[in-house]
Amino acid sequence: MPCVTPEQLTGRYSRIVLAVKAHATETAMTQLLPDLHDDKYVLSAQNGLNERVGSARTMGAFVNYGADWICPGRILFCNRGAVVVGEVDGSPRHRTTEMHRLLQIFAPEAVLTQDIFAYRWGKLGYSAMLFATALTPDSMQANSADPARAPALIAFAREVMQTAVAEGVNPKPFNGFEPRAFLPGAADTAALQGLADLAFFNSKTAKTHTGIYRDLAVRKRKTEADPQVGAVANIAAGHGIDTPALIRLVELIHDIEDGRRDISAKTFHELTKVLT
């Protein structure tokens, strides 16, 4: 498809698919809103909770397929994964049905939902674990399959799921991630099985490492740690929920971003100190 930079874009559009990193949302929306018809919408196809222009002009999406930016105009599509679309206020609308039809061209099993935040919060739990894998040079699969790393990975998902429950959300499962295994009161055996399921799912993708790892190790740029992991910690604090694992994870990501720590197993195991 023809590609242009924002300053080259002309015309006005009925829908904009926003696919930037969470911390680029404000800048992208400032650039793109003048090109959006007043009564039309933005589809937030991002990780995190990034809706910015109100429910009337925003549609939510959840994506979990793997992809890597290789260079301008070249994207590695790594595997099939969940694709879900729904209105942020949960209302059924004709435009949502139409967007679902369009997404099915790319993802035939795409889901239309009236509870998009159930999927968003599920991905936040999974993403917290993925951020932790980026502290090491090992693959997502290797991290999920390492018994020594299991306590920290489980702690992240549990803190996110506890926060989701406090928000009144019932997170939905997808692609090997079962939120119920990490809900308050769930058995350790369920959580360990959850990690095994994720390791199996990630064994079948060409994407061995997360985009977070690529930001740190390859592209040498800031990650989405603050608007994703940090945002959950802030929401949890508003409910009086302690999230020591999430807070420490953000600190360690910042240490790597700023050159104070290396990507290593040693850095990952700094996380275990908050669990003892």
C-alpha atoms as a PDB file:
ATOM      1  CA  MET A   1       0.000   0.000   0.000  1.00  0.00           C
ATOM      2  CA  PRO A   2       1.195   3.567  -0.516  1.00  0.00           C
ATOM      3  CA  CYS A   3       2.880   4.955   2.598  1.00  0.00           C
ATOM      4  CA  VAL A   4       3.453   8.565   3.605  1.00  0.00           C
ATOM      5  CA  THR A   5       4.778  10.435   6.612  1.00  0.00           C
ATOM      6  CA  PRO A   6       2.267  12.559   8.576  1.00  0.00           C
ATOM      7  CA  GLU A   7       3.249  15.836   6.928  1.00  0.00           C
ATOM      8  CA  GLN A   8       2.596  14.285   3.501  1.00  0.00           C
ATOM      9  CA  LEU A   9      -0.897  13.056   4.347  1.00  0.00           C
ATOM     10  CA  THR A  10      -3.768  14.825   2.602  1.00  0.00           C
ATOM     11  CA  GLY A  11      -7.532  14.472   2.755  1.00  0.00           C
ATOM     12  CA  ARG A  12      -9.887  13.419   5.538  1.00  0.00           C
ATOM     13  CA  TYR A  13     -10.743   9.861   6.490  1.00  0.00           C
ATOM     14  CA  SER A  14     -13.657   7.914   7.963  1.00  0.00           C
ATOM     15  CA  ARG A  15     -11.471   5.652  10.126  1.00  0.00           C
ATOM     16  CA  ILE A  16      -7.889   5.646  11.325  1.00  0.00           C
ATOM     17  CA  VAL A  17      -6.202   2.487  12.642  1.00  0.00           C
ATOM     18  CA  LEU A  18      -3.758   3.577  15.332  1.00  0.00           C
ATOM     19  CA  ALA A  19      -0.917   1.050  15.598  1.00  0.00           C
ATOM     20  CA  VAL A  20       1.825   3.016  17.336  1.00  0.00           C
ATOM     21  CA  LYS A  21       3.513   2.225  20.660  1.00  0.00           C
ATOM     22  CA  ALA A  22       1.490   3.371  23.651  1.00  0.00           C
ATOM     23  CA  HIS A  23       3.829   6.227  24.552  1.00  0.00           C
ATOM     24  CA  ALA A  24       3.516   7.625  21.000  1.00  0.00           C
ATOM     25  CA  THR A  25      -0.275   7.856  21.204  1.00  0.00           C
ATOM     26  CA  GLU A  26      -0.557  11.528  22.123  1.00  0.00           C
ATOM     27  CA  THR A  27       1.827  12.651  19.377  1.00  0.00           C
ATOM     28  CA  ALA A  28       0.145  10.453  16.758  1.00  0.00           C
ATOM     29  CA  MET A  29      -3.326  11.645  17.674  1.00  0.00           C
ATOM     30  CA  THR A  30      -2.249  15.297  17.520  1.00  0.00           C
ATOM     31  CA  GLN A  31      -0.946  14.657  14.005  1.00  0.00           C
ATOM     32  CA  LEU A  32      -3.889  12.574  12.775  1.00  0.00           C
ATOM     33  CA  LEU A  33      -7.063  14.043  14.306  1.00  0.00           C
ATOM     34  CA  PRO A  34      -7.198  16.906  11.763  1.00  0.00           C
ATOM     35  CA  ASP A  35      -7.389  14.201   9.057  1.00  0.00           C
ATOM     36  CA  LEU A  36     -10.364  12.419  10.688  1.00  0.00           C
ATOM     37  CA  HIS A  37     -13.937  13.331   9.754  1.00  0.00           C
ATOM     38  CA  ASP A  38     -15.739  14.890  12.731  1.00  0.00           C
ATOM     39  CA  ASP A  39     -18.292  12.061  13.047  1.00  0.00           C
ATOM     40  CA  LYS A  40     -15.877   9.144  12.425  1.00  0.00           C
ATOM     41  CA  TYR A  41     -13.512   7.120  14.596  1.00  0.00           C
ATOM     42  CA  VAL A  42     -10.061   5.868  15.543  1.00  0.00           C
ATOM     43  CA  LEU A  43      -9.448   2.129  16.033  1.00  0.00           C
ATOM     44  CA  SER A  44      -6.899   1.704  18.845  1.00  0.00           C
ATOM     45  CA  ALA A  45      -5.051  -1.465  17.753  1.00  0.00           C
ATOM     46  CA  GLN A  46      -2.476  -1.163  20.523  1.00  0.00           C
ATOM     47  CA  ASN A  47      -1.425  -2.753  23.784  1.00  0.00           C
ATOM     48  CA  GLY A  48      -2.446  -0.986  26.975  1.00  0.00           C
ATOM     49  CA  LEU A  49      -5.321   1.379  27.774  1.00  0.00           C
ATOM     50  CA  ASN A  50      -4.796   4.147  25.231  1.00  0.00           C
ATOM     51  CA  GLU A  51      -8.231   5.430  24.236  1.00  0.00           C
ATOM     52  CA  ARG A  52      -7.969   9.216  24.005  1.00  0.00           C
ATOM     53  CA  VAL A  53     -10.864  10.806  22.082  1.00  0.00           C
ATOM     54  CA  GLY A  54     -13.998   9.484  23.827  1.00  0.00           C
ATOM     55  CA  SER A  55     -16.240   6.519  23.118  1.00  0.00           C
ATOM     56  CA  ALA A  56     -18.066   8.238  20.255  1.00  0.00           C
ATOM     57  CA  ARG A  57     -14.845   8.544  18.256  1.00  0.00           C
ATOM     58  CA  THR A  58     -12.845   5.560  19.544  1.00  0.00           C
ATOM     59  CA  MET A  59     -13.147   1.828  18.889  1.00  0.00           C
ATOM     60  CA  GLY A  60     -11.086  -0.709  20.813  1.00  0.00           C
ATOM     61  CA  ALA A  61      -9.130  -3.663  19.507  1.00  0.00           C
ATOM     62  CA  PHE A  62      -6.940  -6.404  20.884  1.00  0.00           C
ATOM     63  CA  VAL A  63      -4.237  -8.107  18.838  1.00  0.00           C
ATOM     64  CA  ASN A  64      -1.879 -10.924  19.799  1.00  0.00           C
ATOM     65  CA  TYR A  65      -0.314 -12.099  16.549  1.00  0.00           C
ATOM     66  CA  GLY A  66       3.453 -11.718  16.288  1.00  0.00           C
ATOM     67  CA  ALA A  67       5.172  -9.211  14.032  1.00  0.00           C
ATOM     68  CA  ASP A  68       8.510  -7.395  13.894  1.00  0.00           C
ATOM     69  CA  TRP A  69       9.493  -4.178  12.152  1.00  0.00           C
ATOM     70  CA  ILE A  70      12.628  -5.056  10.191  1.00  0.00           C
ATOM     71  CA  CYS A  71      13.183  -1.835   8.213  1.00  0.00           C
ATOM     72  CA  PRO A  72      10.971   0.757   6.462  1.00  0.00           C
ATOM     73  CA  GLY A  73       8.412  -1.094   4.370  1.00  0.00           C
ATOM     74  CA  ARG A  74       9.458  -4.550   5.595  1.00  0.00           C
ATOM     75  CA  ILE A  75       7.512  -6.319   8.355  1.00  0.00           C
ATOM     76  CA  LEU A  76       7.995  -9.901   9.522  1.00  0.00           C
ATOM     77  CA  PHE A  77       4.605 -11.528  10.168  1.00  0.00           C
ATOM     78  CA  CYS A  78       5.415 -14.275  12.663  1.00  0.00           C
ATOM     79  CA  ASN A  79       2.272 -16.224  13.554  1.00  0.00           C
ATOM     80  CA  ARG A  80      -1.484 -16.205  13.839  1.00  0.00           C
ATOM     81  CA  GLY A  81      -2.899 -14.901  17.115  1.00  0.00           C
ATOM     82  CA  ALA A  82      -6.058 -13.482  18.624  1.00  0.00           C
ATOM     83  CA  VAL A  83      -7.668 -10.424  17.014  1.00  0.00           C
ATOM     84  CA  VAL A  84     -10.688  -8.874  18.759  1.00  0.00           C
ATOM     85  CA  VAL A  85     -12.655  -5.672  18.124  1.00  0.00           C
ATOM     86  CA  GLY A  86     -15.351  -3.924  20.150  1.00  0.00           C
ATOM     87  CA  GLU A  87     -16.678  -0.524  21.195  1.00  0.00           C
ATOM     88  CA  VAL A  88     -15.046   0.947  24.296  1.00  0.00           C
ATOM     89  CA  ASP A  89     -18.483   1.577  25.821  1.00  0.00           C
ATOM     90  CA  GLY A  90     -19.653  -1.946  24.963  1.00  0.00           C
ATOM     91  CA  SER A  91     -22.483  -0.831  22.703  1.00  0.00           C
ATOM     92  CA  PRO A  92     -23.317  -2.780  19.515  1.00  0.00           C
ATOM     93  CA  ARG A  93     -23.012  -0.544  16.437  1.00  0.00           C
ATOM     94  CA  HIS A  94     -23.068  -0.995  12.686  1.00  0.00           C
ATOM     95  CA  ARG A  95     -19.553   0.464  12.412  1.00  0.00           C
ATOM     96  CA  THR A  96     -18.189  -2.226  14.741  1.00  0.00           C
ATOM     97  CA  THR A  97     -19.727  -4.984  12.645  1.00  0.00           C
ATOM     98  CA  GLU A  98     -18.185  -3.439   9.543  1.00  0.00           C
ATOM     99  CA  MET A  99     -14.737  -3.151  11.135  1.00  0.00           C
ATOM    100  CA  HIS A 100     -15.008  -6.766  12.277  1.00  0.00           C
ATOM    101  CA  ARG A 101     -15.725  -7.772   8.668  1.00  0.00           C
ATOM    102  CA  LEU A 102     -12.667  -5.865   7.484  1.00  0.00           C
ATOM    103  CA  LEU A 103     -10.429  -7.412  10.140  1.00  0.00           C
ATOM    104  CA  GLN A 104     -11.580 -10.875   9.062  1.00  0.00           C
ATOM    105  CA  ILE A 105      -9.887 -10.269   5.708  1.00  0.00           C
ATOM    106  CA  PHE A 106      -6.584 -10.424   7.587  1.00  0.00           C
ATOM    107  CA  ALA A 107      -7.608 -12.596  10.546  1.00  0.00           C
ATOM    108  CA  PRO A 108     -10.484 -14.935   9.560  1.00  0.00           C
ATOM    109  CA  GLU A 109     -11.058 -15.923  13.206  1.00  0.00           C
ATOM    110  CA  ALA A 110     -11.292 -12.335  14.468  1.00  0.00           C
ATOM    111  CA  VAL A 111     -13.810 -11.904  17.306  1.00  0.00           C
ATOM    112  CA  LEU A 112     -16.478  -9.219  17.716  1.00  0.00           C
ATOM    113  CA  THR A 113     -17.079  -8.460  21.407  1.00  0.00           C
ATOM    114  CA  GLN A 114     -19.092  -6.144  23.631  1.00  0.00           C
ATOM    115  CA  ASP A 115     -16.425  -6.425  26.355  1.00  0.00           C
ATOM    116  CA  ILE A 116     -13.161  -5.308  24.750  1.00  0.00           C
ATOM    117  CA  PHE A 117     -11.599  -4.391  28.095  1.00  0.00           C
ATOM    118  CA  ALA A 118     -11.875  -8.006  29.251  1.00  0.00           C
ATOM    119  CA  TYR A 119      -9.395  -8.838  26.489  1.00  0.00           C
ATOM    120  CA  ARG A 120      -7.319  -5.703  27.068  1.00  0.00           C
ATOM    121  CA  TRP A 121      -6.825  -6.571  30.749  1.00  0.00           C
ATOM    122  CA  GLY A 122      -6.002 -10.152  29.872  1.00  0.00           C
ATOM    123  CA  LYS A 123      -3.280  -8.874  27.551  1.00  0.00           C
ATOM    124  CA  LEU A 124      -1.994  -6.536  30.275  1.00  0.00           C
ATOM    125  CA  GLY A 125      -1.415  -9.569  32.507  1.00  0.00           C
ATOM    126  CA  TYR A 126       0.376 -11.438  29.748  1.00  0.00           C
ATOM    127  CA  SER A 127       2.317  -8.322  28.716  1.00  0.00           C
ATOM    128  CA  ALA A 128       3.678  -7.848  32.234  1.00  0.00           C
ATOM    129  CA  MET A 129       5.290 -11.273  31.927  1.00  0.00           C
ATOM    130  CA  LEU A 130       6.597 -10.407  28.462  1.00  0.00           C
ATOM    131  CA  PHE A 131       8.227  -7.248  29.802  1.00  0.00           C
ATOM    132  CA  ALA A 132      10.082  -9.425  32.296  1.00  0.00           C
ATOM    133  CA  THR A 133      11.360 -11.737  29.545  1.00  0.00           C
ATOM    134  CA  ALA A 134      12.932  -8.686  27.899  1.00  0.00           C
ATOM    135  CA  LEU A 135      15.287  -8.349  30.867  1.00  0.00           C
ATOM    136  CA  THR A 136      17.116 -11.432  29.569  1.00  0.00           C
ATOM    137  CA  PRO A 137      18.599 -12.431  26.190  1.00  0.00           C
ATOM    138  CA  ASP A 138      16.517 -15.625  26.282  1.00  0.00           C
ATOM    139  CA  SER A 139      13.427 -16.280  24.184  1.00  0.00           C
ATOM    140  CA  MET A 140       9.859 -15.915  25.413  1.00  0.00           C
ATOM    141  CA  GLN A 141       9.526 -19.699  25.404  1.00  0.00           C
ATOM    142  CA  ALA A 142      12.733 -20.235  27.386  1.00  0.00           C
ATOM    143  CA  ASN A 143      11.653 -17.733  30.035  1.00  0.00           C
ATOM    144  CA  SER A 144       8.200 -19.301  30.433  1.00  0.00           C
ATOM    145  CA  ALA A 145       9.716 -22.784  30.723  1.00  0.00           C
ATOM    146  CA  ASP A 146      12.343 -21.880  33.366  1.00  0.00           C
ATOM    147  CA  PRO A 147      11.186 -22.991  36.843  1.00  0.00           C
ATOM    148  CA  ALA A 148      13.529 -20.458  38.502  1.00  0.00           C
ATOM    149  CA  ARG A 149      11.709 -17.599  36.784  1.00  0.00           C
ATOM    150  CA  ALA A 150       8.203 -18.897  37.389  1.00  0.00           C
ATOM    151  CA  PRO A 151       7.600 -17.170  40.772  1.00  0.00           C
ATOM    152  CA  ALA A 152       8.326 -13.719  39.330  1.00  0.00           C
ATOM    153  CA  LEU A 153       6.299 -14.296  36.138  1.00  0.00           C
ATOM    154  CA  ILE A 154       3.346 -15.548  38.171  1.00  0.00           C
ATOM    155  CA  ALA A 155       3.580 -12.567  40.530  1.00  0.00           C
ATOM    156  CA  PHE A 156       3.231 -10.092  37.637  1.00  0.00           C
ATOM    157  CA  ALA A 157       0.126 -11.761  36.253  1.00  0.00           C
ATOM    158  CA  ARG A 158      -1.427 -12.036  39.716  1.00  0.00           C
ATOM    159  CA  GLU A 159      -0.919  -8.339  40.472  1.00  0.00           C
ATOM    160  CA  VAL A 160      -2.520  -7.378  37.137  1.00  0.00           C
ATOM    161  CA  MET A 161      -5.437  -9.773  37.564  1.00  0.00           C
ATOM    162  CA  GLN A 162      -6.085  -8.547  41.097  1.00  0.00           C
ATOM    163  CA  THR A 163      -6.229  -5.011  39.721  1.00  0.00           C
ATOM    164  CA  ALA A 164      -8.558  -6.066  36.903  1.00  0.00           C
ATOM    165  CA  VAL A 165     -10.970  -7.592  39.431  1.00  0.00           C
ATOM    166  CA  ALA A 166     -10.881  -4.355  41.448  1.00  0.00           C
ATOM    167  CA  GLU A 167     -11.774  -2.509  38.226  1.00  0.00           C
ATOM    168  CA  GLY A 168     -14.807  -4.759  37.792  1.00  0.00           C
ATOM    169  CA  VAL A 169     -13.302  -6.568  34.788  1.00  0.00           C
ATOM    170  CA  ASN A 170     -13.556 -10.305  34.089  1.00  0.00           C
ATOM    171  CA  PRO A 171     -10.472 -10.911  31.888  1.00  0.00           C
ATOM    172  CA  LYS A 172     -10.861 -13.228  28.890  1.00  0.00           C
ATOM    173  CA  PRO A 173      -8.444 -16.034  27.875  1.00  0.00           C
ATOM    174  CA  PHE A 174      -6.534 -16.148  24.586  1.00  0.00           C
ATOM    175  CA  ASN A 175      -3.665 -18.046  22.917  1.00  0.00           C
ATOM    176  CA  GLY A 176      -2.570 -20.025  25.964  1.00  0.00           C
ATOM    177  CA  PHE A 177      -3.075 -17.234  28.517  1.00  0.00           C
ATOM    178  CA  GLU A 178      -5.758 -18.230  31.033  1.00  0.00           C
ATOM    179  CA  PRO A 179      -6.518 -15.305  33.382  1.00  0.00           C
ATOM    180  CA  ARG A 180      -8.344 -17.537  35.876  1.00  0.00           C
ATOM    181  CA  ALA A 181      -5.045 -19.267  36.651  1.00  0.00           C
ATOM    182  CA  PHE A 182      -3.746 -15.992  38.104  1.00  0.00           C
ATOM    183  CA  LEU A 183      -6.851 -14.626  39.808  1.00  0.00           C
ATOM    184  CA  PRO A 184      -6.848 -14.150  43.590  1.00  0.00           C
ATOM    185  CA  GLY A 185      -7.200 -17.539  45.252  1.00  0.00           C
ATOM    186  CA  ALA A 186      -6.101 -19.575  42.216  1.00  0.00           C
ATOM    187  CA  ALA A 187      -3.810 -22.516  42.986  1.00  0.00           C
ATOM    188  CA  ASP A 188      -0.099 -22.442  42.184  1.00  0.00           C
ATOM    189  CA  THR A 189      -0.585 -25.548  40.049  1.00  0.00           C
ATOM    190  CA  ALA A 190      -2.965 -23.620  37.803  1.00  0.00           C
ATOM    191  CA  ALA A 191      -0.463 -20.788  37.413  1.00  0.00           C
ATOM    192  CA  LEU A 192       2.355 -23.190  36.571  1.00  0.00           C
ATOM    193  CA  GLN A 193       0.160 -24.874  33.970  1.00  0.00           C
ATOM    194  CA  GLY A 194      -0.580 -21.415  32.596  1.00  0.00           C
ATOM    195  CA  LEU A 195       3.134 -20.792  32.077  1.00  0.00           C
ATOM    196  CA  ALA A 196       3.501 -24.180  30.370  1.00  0.00           C
ATOM    197  CA  ASP A 197       0.633 -23.309  28.015  1.00  0.00           C
ATOM    198  CA  LEU A 198       2.279 -20.006  27.119  1.00  0.00           C
ATOM    199  CA  ALA A 199       5.607 -21.730  26.488  1.00  0.00           C
ATOM    200  CA  PHE A 200       3.847 -24.116  24.108  1.00  0.00           C
ATOM    201  CA  PHE A 201       2.085 -21.298  22.216  1.00  0.00           C
ATOM    202  CA  ASN A 202       5.325 -19.335  21.866  1.00  0.00           C
ATOM    203  CA  SER A 203       7.176 -22.412  20.603  1.00  0.00           C
ATOM    204  CA  LYS A 204       5.178 -22.138  17.360  1.00  0.00           C
ATOM    205  CA  THR A 205       6.038 -18.574  16.347  1.00  0.00           C
ATOM    206  CA  ALA A 206       8.844 -17.069  14.286  1.00  0.00           C
ATOM    207  CA  LYS A 207       8.890 -14.246  16.840  1.00  0.00           C
ATOM    208  CA  THR A 208      11.260 -15.571  19.492  1.00  0.00           C
ATOM    209  CA  HIS A 209      11.647 -12.322  21.445  1.00  0.00           C
ATOM    210  CA  THR A 210       9.255  -9.546  22.354  1.00  0.00           C
ATOM    211  CA  GLY A 211       9.026  -6.119  20.805  1.00  0.00           C
ATOM    212  CA  ILE A 212      10.108  -4.852  24.224  1.00  0.00           C
ATOM    213  CA  TYR A 213      13.356  -6.806  23.936  1.00  0.00           C
ATOM    214  CA  ARG A 214      13.873  -5.437  20.419  1.00  0.00           C
ATOM    215  CA  ASP A 215      13.345  -1.891  21.707  1.00  0.00           C
ATOM    216  CA  LEU A 216      16.039  -2.447  24.336  1.00  0.00           C
ATOM    217  CA  ALA A 217      18.562  -4.626  22.505  1.00  0.00           C
ATOM    218  CA  VAL A 218      18.130  -3.760  18.824  1.00  0.00           C
ATOM    219  CA  ARG A 219      16.521  -0.353  18.413  1.00  0.00           C
ATOM    220  CA  LYS A 220      17.971   1.173  21.608  1.00  0.00           C
ATOM    221  CA  ARG A 221      14.854   3.176  22.425  1.00  0.00           C
ATOM    222  CA  LYS A 222      12.350   3.661  25.218  1.00  0.00           C
ATOM    223  CA  THR A 223       9.811   0.902  25.810  1.00  0.00           C
ATOM    224  CA  GLU A 224       6.117   1.019  26.727  1.00  0.00           C
ATOM    225  CA  ALA A 225       6.872   0.163  30.353  1.00  0.00           C
ATOM    226  CA  ASP A 226       5.319   3.308  31.822  1.00  0.00           C
ATOM    227  CA  PRO A 227       2.010   3.404  29.884  1.00  0.00           C
ATOM    228  CA  GLN A 228       1.490  -0.338  30.305  1.00  0.00           C
ATOM    229  CA  VAL A 229       3.081  -1.840  33.431  1.00  0.00           C
ATOM    230  CA  GLY A 230       3.349   1.504  35.216  1.00  0.00           C
ATOM    231  CA  ALA A 231      -0.240   2.387  34.359  1.00  0.00           C
ATOM    232  CA  VAL A 232      -1.519  -0.816  35.970  1.00  0.00           C
ATOM    233  CA  ALA A 233       0.527  -0.109  39.107  1.00  0.00           C
ATOM    234  CA  ASN A 234      -1.018   3.369  39.300  1.00  0.00           C
ATOM    235  CA  ILE A 235      -4.552   2.015  38.880  1.00  0.00           C
ATOM    236  CA  ALA A 236      -3.847  -0.612  41.549  1.00  0.00           C
ATOM    237  CA  ALA A 237      -2.622   2.059  43.946  1.00  0.00           C
ATOM    238  CA  GLY A 238      -5.960   3.825  43.516  1.00  0.00           C
ATOM    239  CA  HIS A 239      -7.636   0.667  44.838  1.00  0.00           C
ATOM    240  CA  GLY A 240      -5.165   0.316  47.705  1.00  0.00           C
ATOM    241  CA  ILE A 241      -3.500  -2.707  46.049  1.00  0.00           C
ATOM    242  CA  ASP A 242       0.254  -3.162  46.454  1.00  0.00           C
ATOM    243  CA  THR A 243       2.139  -4.143  43.280  1.00  0.00           C
ATOM    244  CA  PRO A 244       5.805  -4.508  44.310  1.00  0.00           C
ATOM    245  CA  ALA A 245       6.654  -6.837  41.408  1.00  0.00           C
ATOM    246  CA  LEU A 246       5.231  -4.490  38.753  1.00  0.00           C
ATOM    247  CA  ILE A 247       6.925  -1.440  40.272  1.00  0.00           C
ATOM    248  CA  ARG A 248      10.288  -3.196  40.418  1.00  0.00           C
ATOM    249  CA  LEU A 249       9.879  -4.400  36.830  1.00  0.00           C
ATOM    250  CA  VAL A 250       9.426  -0.831  35.597  1.00  0.00           C
ATOM    251  CA  GLU A 251      12.514   0.241  37.544  1.00  0.00           C
ATOM    252  CA  LEU A 252      14.631  -2.502  35.967  1.00  0.00           C
ATOM    253  CA  ILE A 253      13.386  -1.676  32.459  1.00  0.00           C
ATOM    254  CA  HIS A 254      14.371   1.954  33.061  1.00  0.00           C
ATOM    255  CA  ASP A 255      17.788   0.821  34.289  1.00  0.00           C
ATOM    256  CA  ILE A 256      18.393  -0.969  30.993  1.00  0.00           C
ATOM    257  CA  GLU A 257      17.015   1.936  28.943  1.00  0.00           C
ATOM    258  CA  ASP A 258      19.372   4.344  30.714  1.00  0.00           C
ATOM    259  CA  GLY A 259      22.422   2.061  30.555  1.00  0.00           C
ATOM    260  CA  ARG A 260      22.640   1.266  34.278  1.00  0.00           C
ATOM    261  CA  ARG A 261      22.067  -2.475  33.785  1.00  0.00           C
ATOM    262  CA  ASP A 262      22.637  -5.062  31.093  1.00  0.00           C
ATOM    263  CA  ILE A 263      20.097  -7.435  29.614  1.00  0.00           C
ATOM    264  CA  SER A 264      20.923 -10.583  31.558  1.00  0.00           C
ATOM    265  CA  ALA A 265      19.618 -13.382  33.744  1.00  0.00           C
ATOM    266  CA  LYS A 266      21.179 -11.525  36.678  1.00  0.00           C
ATOM    267  CA  THR A 267      18.972  -8.512  35.984  1.00  0.00           C
ATOM    268  CA  PHE A 268      15.892 -10.739  35.816  1.00  0.00           C
ATOM    269  CA  HIS A 269      16.676 -12.290  39.167  1.00  0.00           C
ATOM    270  CA  GLU A 270      16.679  -8.842  40.768  1.00  0.00           C
ATOM    271  CA  LEU A 271      12.924  -9.335  40.557  1.00  0.00           C
ATOM    272  CA  THR A 272      12.957 -12.276  42.907  1.00  0.00           C
ATOM    273  CA  LYS A 273      14.240 -10.070  45.734  1.00  0.00           C
ATOM    274  CA  VAL A 274      10.846  -8.359  46.006  1.00  0.00           C
ATOM    275  CA  LEU A 275       9.139 -11.741  46.387  1.00  0.00           C
ATOM    276  CA  THR A 276      11.078 -12.864  49.472  1.00  0.00           C
END
